[in-house]
Amino acid sequence: MLVKKLAGKGGGREHGSEDPRSLGQRCAGTMASCTALATLLSVVAVSFCLYLGVKTNDLQARIAALESAKETPSFRPLPDTLDELKAMVQEKVERLLAQFQPLSSVGAEH
């Protein structure tokens, strides 16, 4: 076996001079810390998922309460007869004209 000396501080070490038990102990220490980190991250991930689930449930309940509190639906289907359609259009036009009437009277005063 060819043994090299490494250049650097302290003259370096020979390639085969390390104690294999110390290397195993270092790996075991690293494995334990990696396992602890992985476990911690898993617990954080599960906690975050549970938190998001609770928040989503709260939002869904709030939306359901808002929808049930609404008196009229925002979308009304078209009436069945032409007379009902004419009456609905006439009502909308009158409402729009009532909104614009005060604006036109303000402009006429100037």
C-alpha atoms as a PDB file:
ATOM      1  CA  MET A   1       0.000   0.000   0.000  1.00  0.00           C
ATOM      2  CA  LEU A   2       1.310   3.402  -0.964  1.00  0.00           C
ATOM      3  CA  VAL A   3       1.135   5.978   1.839  1.00  0.00           C
ATOM      4  CA  LYS A   4       1.291   9.707   1.105  1.00  0.00           C
ATOM      5  CA  LYS A   5       1.900  12.487   3.519  1.00  0.00           C
ATOM      6  CA  LEU A   6      -0.419  15.445   3.142  1.00  0.00           C
ATOM      7  CA  ALA A   7       1.195  18.855   3.033  1.00  0.00           C
ATOM      8  CA  GLY A   8      -0.234  21.490   5.339  1.00  0.00           C
ATOM      9  CA  LYS A   9      -0.339  22.456   8.988  1.00  0.00           C
ATOM     10  CA  GLY A  10       0.946  19.910  11.414  1.00  0.00           C
ATOM     11  CA  GLY A  11       2.678  17.849   8.757  1.00  0.00           C
ATOM     12  CA  GLY A  12      -0.489  16.006   7.758  1.00  0.00           C
ATOM     13  CA  ARG A  13      -1.645  12.476   8.477  1.00  0.00           C
ATOM     14  CA  GLU A  14      -0.976   9.228   6.831  1.00  0.00           C
ATOM     15  CA  HIS A  15      -3.861   7.765   4.837  1.00  0.00           C
ATOM     16  CA  GLY A  16      -4.488   4.636   6.874  1.00  0.00           C
ATOM     17  CA  SER A  17      -3.735   6.003  10.332  1.00  0.00           C
ATOM     18  CA  GLU A  18      -7.310   7.032  11.357  1.00  0.00           C
ATOM     19  CA  ASP A  19      -9.072   4.992  14.011  1.00  0.00           C
ATOM     20  CA  PRO A  20     -12.112   3.306  12.382  1.00  0.00           C
ATOM     21  CA  ARG A  21     -14.114   3.460  15.616  1.00  0.00           C
ATOM     22  CA  SER A  22     -13.818   7.246  15.833  1.00  0.00           C
ATOM     23  CA  LEU A  23     -15.047   7.494  12.248  1.00  0.00           C
ATOM     24  CA  GLY A  24     -18.021   5.268  13.111  1.00  0.00           C
ATOM     25  CA  GLN A  25     -18.788   7.320  16.176  1.00  0.00           C
ATOM     26  CA  ARG A  26     -18.679  10.503  14.102  1.00  0.00           C
ATOM     27  CA  CYS A  27     -21.084   8.999  11.582  1.00  0.00           C
ATOM     28  CA  ALA A  28     -23.385   7.858  14.374  1.00  0.00           C
ATOM     29  CA  GLY A  29     -23.385  11.361  15.873  1.00  0.00           C
ATOM     30  CA  THR A  30     -24.142  12.854  12.469  1.00  0.00           C
ATOM     31  CA  MET A  31     -26.906  10.305  11.876  1.00  0.00           C
ATOM     32  CA  ALA A  32     -28.490  11.109  15.231  1.00  0.00           C
ATOM     33  CA  SER A  33     -28.501  14.828  14.510  1.00  0.00           C
ATOM     34  CA  CYS A  34     -29.876  14.225  11.003  1.00  0.00           C
ATOM     35  CA  THR A  35     -32.611  11.999  12.422  1.00  0.00           C
ATOM     36  CA  ALA A  36     -33.488  14.634  15.028  1.00  0.00           C
ATOM     37  CA  LEU A  37     -33.618  17.336  12.338  1.00  0.00           C
ATOM     38  CA  ALA A  38     -35.794  15.179  10.064  1.00  0.00           C
ATOM     39  CA  THR A  39     -38.154  14.398  12.945  1.00  0.00           C
ATOM     40  CA  LEU A  40     -38.390  18.073  13.877  1.00  0.00           C
ATOM     41  CA  LEU A  41     -39.140  19.086  10.283  1.00  0.00           C
ATOM     42  CA  SER A  42     -41.781  16.357  10.017  1.00  0.00           C
ATOM     43  CA  VAL A  43     -43.499  17.558  13.183  1.00  0.00           C
ATOM     44  CA  VAL A  44     -43.425  21.149  11.908  1.00  0.00           C
ATOM     45  CA  ALA A  45     -44.877  20.068   8.542  1.00  0.00           C
ATOM     46  CA  VAL A  46     -47.706  18.090  10.159  1.00  0.00           C
ATOM     47  CA  SER A  47     -48.464  20.990  12.514  1.00  0.00           C
ATOM     48  CA  PHE A  48     -48.557  23.427   9.600  1.00  0.00           C
ATOM     49  CA  CYS A  49     -50.909  21.138   7.654  1.00  0.00           C
ATOM     50  CA  LEU A  50     -53.253  20.907  10.635  1.00  0.00           C
ATOM     51  CA  TYR A  51     -53.149  24.694  11.069  1.00  0.00           C
ATOM     52  CA  LEU A  52     -54.007  25.236   7.398  1.00  0.00           C
ATOM     53  CA  GLY A  53     -56.833  22.709   7.649  1.00  0.00           C
ATOM     54  CA  VAL A  54     -58.354  24.566  10.606  1.00  0.00           C
ATOM     55  CA  LYS A  55     -57.994  27.929   8.840  1.00  0.00           C
ATOM     56  CA  THR A  56     -59.590  26.532   5.670  1.00  0.00           C
ATOM     57  CA  ASN A  57     -62.485  25.153   7.693  1.00  0.00           C
ATOM     58  CA  ASP A  58     -62.975  28.569   9.345  1.00  0.00           C
ATOM     59  CA  LEU A  59     -62.979  30.318   5.972  1.00  0.00           C
ATOM     60  CA  GLN A  60     -65.491  27.860   4.556  1.00  0.00           C
ATOM     61  CA  ALA A  61     -67.766  28.422   7.543  1.00  0.00           C
ATOM     62  CA  ARG A  62     -67.510  32.197   7.128  1.00  0.00           C
ATOM     63  CA  ILE A  63     -68.315  31.977   3.415  1.00  0.00           C
ATOM     64  CA  ALA A  64     -71.317  29.737   4.124  1.00  0.00           C
ATOM     65  CA  ALA A  65     -72.552  32.226   6.740  1.00  0.00           C
ATOM     66  CA  LEU A  66     -72.181  35.127   4.308  1.00  0.00           C
ATOM     67  CA  GLU A  67     -74.002  33.250   1.562  1.00  0.00           C
ATOM     68  CA  SER A  68     -76.857  32.272   3.865  1.00  0.00           C
ATOM     69  CA  ALA A  69     -77.122  35.852   5.194  1.00  0.00           C
ATOM     70  CA  LYS A  70     -77.583  37.218   1.695  1.00  0.00           C
ATOM     71  CA  GLU A  71     -81.227  37.990   1.006  1.00  0.00           C
ATOM     72  CA  THR A  72     -81.227  37.685  -2.762  1.00  0.00           C
ATOM     73  CA  PRO A  73     -78.914  35.681  -4.947  1.00  0.00           C
ATOM     74  CA  SER A  74     -76.522  37.741  -7.065  1.00  0.00           C
ATOM     75  CA  PHE A  75     -77.557  35.843 -10.179  1.00  0.00           C
ATOM     76  CA  ARG A  76     -81.230  35.654 -11.063  1.00  0.00           C
ATOM     77  CA  PRO A  77     -82.289  33.606 -14.060  1.00  0.00           C
ATOM     78  CA  LEU A  78     -84.246  35.279 -16.833  1.00  0.00           C
ATOM     79  CA  PRO A  79     -88.010  35.324 -16.431  1.00  0.00           C
ATOM     80  CA  ASP A  80     -90.159  32.774 -18.228  1.00  0.00           C
ATOM     81  CA  THR A  81     -92.421  35.198 -20.092  1.00  0.00           C
ATOM     82  CA  LEU A  82     -91.718  38.225 -22.231  1.00  0.00           C
ATOM     83  CA  ASP A  83     -93.922  40.453 -20.050  1.00  0.00           C
ATOM     84  CA  GLU A  84     -91.868  39.599 -16.952  1.00  0.00           C
ATOM     85  CA  LEU A  85     -88.680  40.365 -18.877  1.00  0.00           C
ATOM     86  CA  LYS A  86     -90.051  43.751 -19.989  1.00  0.00           C
ATOM     87  CA  ALA A  87     -91.039  44.608 -16.424  1.00  0.00           C
ATOM     88  CA  MET A  88     -87.593  43.651 -15.118  1.00  0.00           C
ATOM     89  CA  VAL A  89     -85.820  45.712 -17.781  1.00  0.00           C
ATOM     90  CA  GLN A  90     -88.111  48.678 -17.112  1.00  0.00           C
ATOM     91  CA  GLU A  91     -87.343  48.483 -13.386  1.00  0.00           C
ATOM     92  CA  LYS A  92     -83.584  48.455 -14.048  1.00  0.00           C
ATOM     93  CA  VAL A  93     -83.834  51.415 -16.451  1.00  0.00           C
ATOM     94  CA  GLU A  94     -85.843  53.441 -13.941  1.00  0.00           C
ATOM     95  CA  ARG A  95     -83.315  52.711 -11.228  1.00  0.00           C
ATOM     96  CA  LEU A  96     -80.441  53.826 -13.475  1.00  0.00           C
ATOM     97  CA  LEU A  97     -82.279  57.005 -14.486  1.00  0.00           C
ATOM     98  CA  ALA A  98     -82.954  57.792 -10.829  1.00  0.00           C
ATOM     99  CA  GLN A  99     -79.226  57.507 -10.121  1.00  0.00           C
ATOM    100  CA  PHE A 100     -78.251  59.821 -12.979  1.00  0.00           C
ATOM    101  CA  GLN A 101     -81.011  62.400 -12.409  1.00  0.00           C
ATOM    102  CA  PRO A 102     -79.268  64.147  -9.479  1.00  0.00           C
ATOM    103  CA  LEU A 103     -76.068  64.324 -11.518  1.00  0.00           C
ATOM    104  CA  SER A 104     -77.765  66.018 -14.465  1.00  0.00           C
ATOM    105  CA  SER A 105     -79.469  68.587 -12.194  1.00  0.00           C
ATOM    106  CA  VAL A 106     -76.104  69.485 -10.610  1.00  0.00           C
ATOM    107  CA  GLY A 107     -74.591  70.046 -14.045  1.00  0.00           C
ATOM    108  CA  ALA A 108     -77.545  72.257 -15.104  1.00  0.00           C
ATOM    109  CA  GLU A 109     -77.038  74.623 -12.155  1.00  0.00           C
ATOM    110  CA  HIS A 110     -73.532  75.611 -13.242  1.00  0.00           C
END
